[in-house]
Amino acid sequence: MNKLKQRWGISSNWQILIIFIVFGLTGSSSLYVAKPALEFLGLTRMNFSSDLLGGVGYYALRILMIFPVYQVLLVTYGWIFGQFRFFWQFEKNMLSRLGLGRILK
């Protein structure tokens, strides 16, 4: 745990617990929110063909939808749980590793 605290720049086990809770809530919530978001856009599983390629296309689109939803929820939950600074820095680092760092400048 000490290595993790040092790497993340946090000082207490309580913060680690909160960070793990935020990651768990964010992952679950982003999966839950992605389906209605696609339905809102008119993209349901029935809009895709019933063969394997249609299924792959739908689920690939759903995974792509999960990514931005996850990013927003991560910072939001981090703010709610009082760890906004940690998660904002985490977001900036993750997006810069993906080559999207210019979005946050």
C-alpha atoms as a PDB file:
ATOM      1  CA  MET A   1       0.000   0.000   0.000  1.00  0.00           C
ATOM      2  CA  ASN A   2       2.843   2.376   0.721  1.00  0.00           C
ATOM      3  CA  LYS A   3       4.102   2.079  -2.866  1.00  0.00           C
ATOM      4  CA  LEU A   4       0.645   2.924  -4.160  1.00  0.00           C
ATOM      5  CA  LYS A   5       0.305   5.882  -1.804  1.00  0.00           C
ATOM      6  CA  GLN A   6       3.708   7.162  -2.865  1.00  0.00           C
ATOM      7  CA  ARG A   7       2.993   6.682  -6.578  1.00  0.00           C
ATOM      8  CA  TRP A   8      -0.368   8.432  -6.370  1.00  0.00           C
ATOM      9  CA  GLY A   9       0.889  11.143  -4.033  1.00  0.00           C
ATOM     10  CA  ILE A  10      -1.657  10.496  -1.306  1.00  0.00           C
ATOM     11  CA  SER A  11      -1.090  10.272   2.408  1.00  0.00           C
ATOM     12  CA  SER A  12      -3.675   7.989   3.998  1.00  0.00           C
ATOM     13  CA  ASN A  13      -5.302   4.603   3.637  1.00  0.00           C
ATOM     14  CA  TRP A  14      -8.650   6.401   3.860  1.00  0.00           C
ATOM     15  CA  GLN A  15      -7.879   8.190   0.579  1.00  0.00           C
ATOM     16  CA  ILE A  16      -7.009   4.866  -1.075  1.00  0.00           C
ATOM     17  CA  LEU A  17     -10.355   3.446   0.040  1.00  0.00           C
ATOM     18  CA  ILE A  18     -12.220   6.452  -1.350  1.00  0.00           C
ATOM     19  CA  ILE A  19     -10.280   6.257  -4.630  1.00  0.00           C
ATOM     20  CA  PHE A  20     -11.104   2.558  -5.021  1.00  0.00           C
ATOM     21  CA  ILE A  21     -14.779   3.270  -4.289  1.00  0.00           C
ATOM     22  CA  VAL A  22     -14.806   6.027  -6.913  1.00  0.00           C
ATOM     23  CA  PHE A  23     -13.207   3.733  -9.519  1.00  0.00           C
ATOM     24  CA  GLY A  24     -15.764   1.021  -8.743  1.00  0.00           C
ATOM     25  CA  LEU A  25     -18.752   3.355  -8.913  1.00  0.00           C
ATOM     26  CA  THR A  26     -17.481   4.948 -12.102  1.00  0.00           C
ATOM     27  CA  GLY A  27     -16.994   1.648 -13.889  1.00  0.00           C
ATOM     28  CA  SER A  28     -20.410   0.342 -12.918  1.00  0.00           C
ATOM     29  CA  SER A  29     -22.176   3.615 -13.657  1.00  0.00           C
ATOM     30  CA  SER A  30     -20.563   4.071 -17.060  1.00  0.00           C
ATOM     31  CA  LEU A  31     -21.767   0.625 -18.138  1.00  0.00           C
ATOM     32  CA  TYR A  32     -25.231   1.444 -16.845  1.00  0.00           C
ATOM     33  CA  VAL A  33     -25.394   4.865 -18.556  1.00  0.00           C
ATOM     34  CA  ALA A  34     -23.987   3.863 -21.962  1.00  0.00           C
ATOM     35  CA  LYS A  35     -27.003   1.797 -23.039  1.00  0.00           C
ATOM     36  CA  PRO A  36     -29.621   4.539 -22.463  1.00  0.00           C
ATOM     37  CA  ALA A  37     -27.270   7.068 -24.069  1.00  0.00           C
ATOM     38  CA  LEU A  38     -27.108   4.950 -27.222  1.00  0.00           C
ATOM     39  CA  GLU A  39     -30.882   4.462 -27.148  1.00  0.00           C
ATOM     40  CA  PHE A  40     -31.302   8.234 -26.874  1.00  0.00           C
ATOM     41  CA  LEU A  41     -29.263   8.528 -30.075  1.00  0.00           C
ATOM     42  CA  GLY A  42     -31.522   5.931 -31.700  1.00  0.00           C
ATOM     43  CA  LEU A  43     -28.877   3.199 -31.725  1.00  0.00           C
ATOM     44  CA  THR A  44     -30.320   0.031 -30.224  1.00  0.00           C
ATOM     45  CA  ARG A  45     -29.200  -3.542 -30.752  1.00  0.00           C
ATOM     46  CA  MET A  46     -32.205  -4.052 -33.050  1.00  0.00           C
ATOM     47  CA  ASN A  47     -30.846  -1.387 -35.442  1.00  0.00           C
ATOM     48  CA  PHE A  48     -27.896  -3.653 -36.220  1.00  0.00           C
ATOM     49  CA  SER A  49     -28.044  -6.863 -38.203  1.00  0.00           C
ATOM     50  CA  SER A  50     -28.600 -10.080 -36.278  1.00  0.00           C
ATOM     51  CA  ASP A  51     -25.414 -11.735 -37.528  1.00  0.00           C
ATOM     52  CA  LEU A  52     -22.044 -11.690 -35.799  1.00  0.00           C
ATOM     53  CA  LEU A  53     -20.861  -8.534 -37.579  1.00  0.00           C
ATOM     54  CA  GLY A  54     -23.898  -6.586 -36.407  1.00  0.00           C
ATOM     55  CA  GLY A  55     -23.333  -7.681 -32.815  1.00  0.00           C
ATOM     56  CA  VAL A  56     -19.672  -6.754 -32.979  1.00  0.00           C
ATOM     57  CA  GLY A  57     -20.563  -3.364 -34.449  1.00  0.00           C
ATOM     58  CA  TYR A  58     -23.126  -2.607 -31.753  1.00  0.00           C
ATOM     59  CA  TYR A  59     -20.893  -3.616 -28.866  1.00  0.00           C
ATOM     60  CA  ALA A  60     -17.894  -1.810 -30.346  1.00  0.00           C
ATOM     61  CA  LEU A  61     -20.019   1.342 -30.528  1.00  0.00           C
ATOM     62  CA  ARG A  62     -21.181   0.777 -26.971  1.00  0.00           C
ATOM     63  CA  ILE A  63     -17.593   0.451 -25.744  1.00  0.00           C
ATOM     64  CA  LEU A  64     -16.701   3.649 -27.588  1.00  0.00           C
ATOM     65  CA  MET A  65     -19.632   5.353 -25.865  1.00  0.00           C
ATOM     66  CA  ILE A  66     -18.485   4.099 -22.467  1.00  0.00           C
ATOM     67  CA  PHE A  67     -15.099   5.845 -22.772  1.00  0.00           C
ATOM     68  CA  PRO A  68     -16.289   9.498 -22.662  1.00  0.00           C
ATOM     69  CA  VAL A  69     -19.023   8.660 -20.158  1.00  0.00           C
ATOM     70  CA  TYR A  70     -16.387   7.083 -17.902  1.00  0.00           C
ATOM     71  CA  GLN A  71     -14.156  10.161 -18.113  1.00  0.00           C
ATOM     72  CA  VAL A  72     -16.936  12.522 -17.075  1.00  0.00           C
ATOM     73  CA  LEU A  73     -18.234  10.283 -14.300  1.00  0.00           C
ATOM     74  CA  LEU A  74     -14.746   9.719 -12.894  1.00  0.00           C
ATOM     75  CA  VAL A  75     -14.166  13.412 -12.313  1.00  0.00           C
ATOM     76  CA  THR A  76     -17.755  13.913 -11.110  1.00  0.00           C
ATOM     77  CA  TYR A  77     -17.583  11.121  -8.535  1.00  0.00           C
ATOM     78  CA  GLY A  78     -14.126  12.307  -7.540  1.00  0.00           C
ATOM     79  CA  TRP A  79     -15.588  15.737  -6.849  1.00  0.00           C
ATOM     80  CA  ILE A  80     -18.517  14.275  -4.889  1.00  0.00           C
ATOM     81  CA  PHE A  81     -16.145  12.228  -2.716  1.00  0.00           C
ATOM     82  CA  GLY A  82     -13.741  15.121  -2.165  1.00  0.00           C
ATOM     83  CA  GLN A  83     -10.944  13.788  -4.360  1.00  0.00           C
ATOM     84  CA  PHE A  84     -11.371  16.092  -7.362  1.00  0.00           C
ATOM     85  CA  ARG A  85      -7.706  17.113  -7.504  1.00  0.00           C
ATOM     86  CA  PHE A  86      -6.517  13.490  -7.630  1.00  0.00           C
ATOM     87  CA  PHE A  87      -8.968  12.460 -10.337  1.00  0.00           C
ATOM     88  CA  TRP A  88      -8.456  15.609 -12.405  1.00  0.00           C
ATOM     89  CA  GLN A  89      -4.725  14.907 -12.456  1.00  0.00           C
ATOM     90  CA  PHE A  90      -5.451  11.250 -13.218  1.00  0.00           C
ATOM     91  CA  GLU A  91      -7.638  12.301 -16.174  1.00  0.00           C
ATOM     92  CA  LYS A  92      -5.001  14.639 -17.554  1.00  0.00           C
ATOM     93  CA  ASN A  93      -2.337  11.933 -17.325  1.00  0.00           C
ATOM     94  CA  MET A  94      -4.544   9.292 -18.936  1.00  0.00           C
ATOM     95  CA  LEU A  95      -5.663  11.490 -21.807  1.00  0.00           C
ATOM     96  CA  SER A  96      -2.125  12.687 -22.487  1.00  0.00           C
ATOM     97  CA  ARG A  97      -0.963   9.045 -22.687  1.00  0.00           C
ATOM     98  CA  LEU A  98      -3.688   8.466 -25.270  1.00  0.00           C
ATOM     99  CA  GLY A  99      -2.538  11.496 -27.245  1.00  0.00           C
ATOM    100  CA  LEU A 100      -5.586  13.554 -26.289  1.00  0.00           C
ATOM    101  CA  GLY A 101      -3.855  15.855 -23.816  1.00  0.00           C
ATOM    102  CA  ARG A 102      -4.558  18.946 -25.912  1.00  0.00           C
ATOM    103  CA  ILE A 103      -8.265  18.641 -25.121  1.00  0.00           C
ATOM    104  CA  LEU A 104      -7.673  19.741 -21.523  1.00  0.00           C
ATOM    105  CA  LYS A 105      -5.397  22.708 -22.276  1.00  0.00           C
END
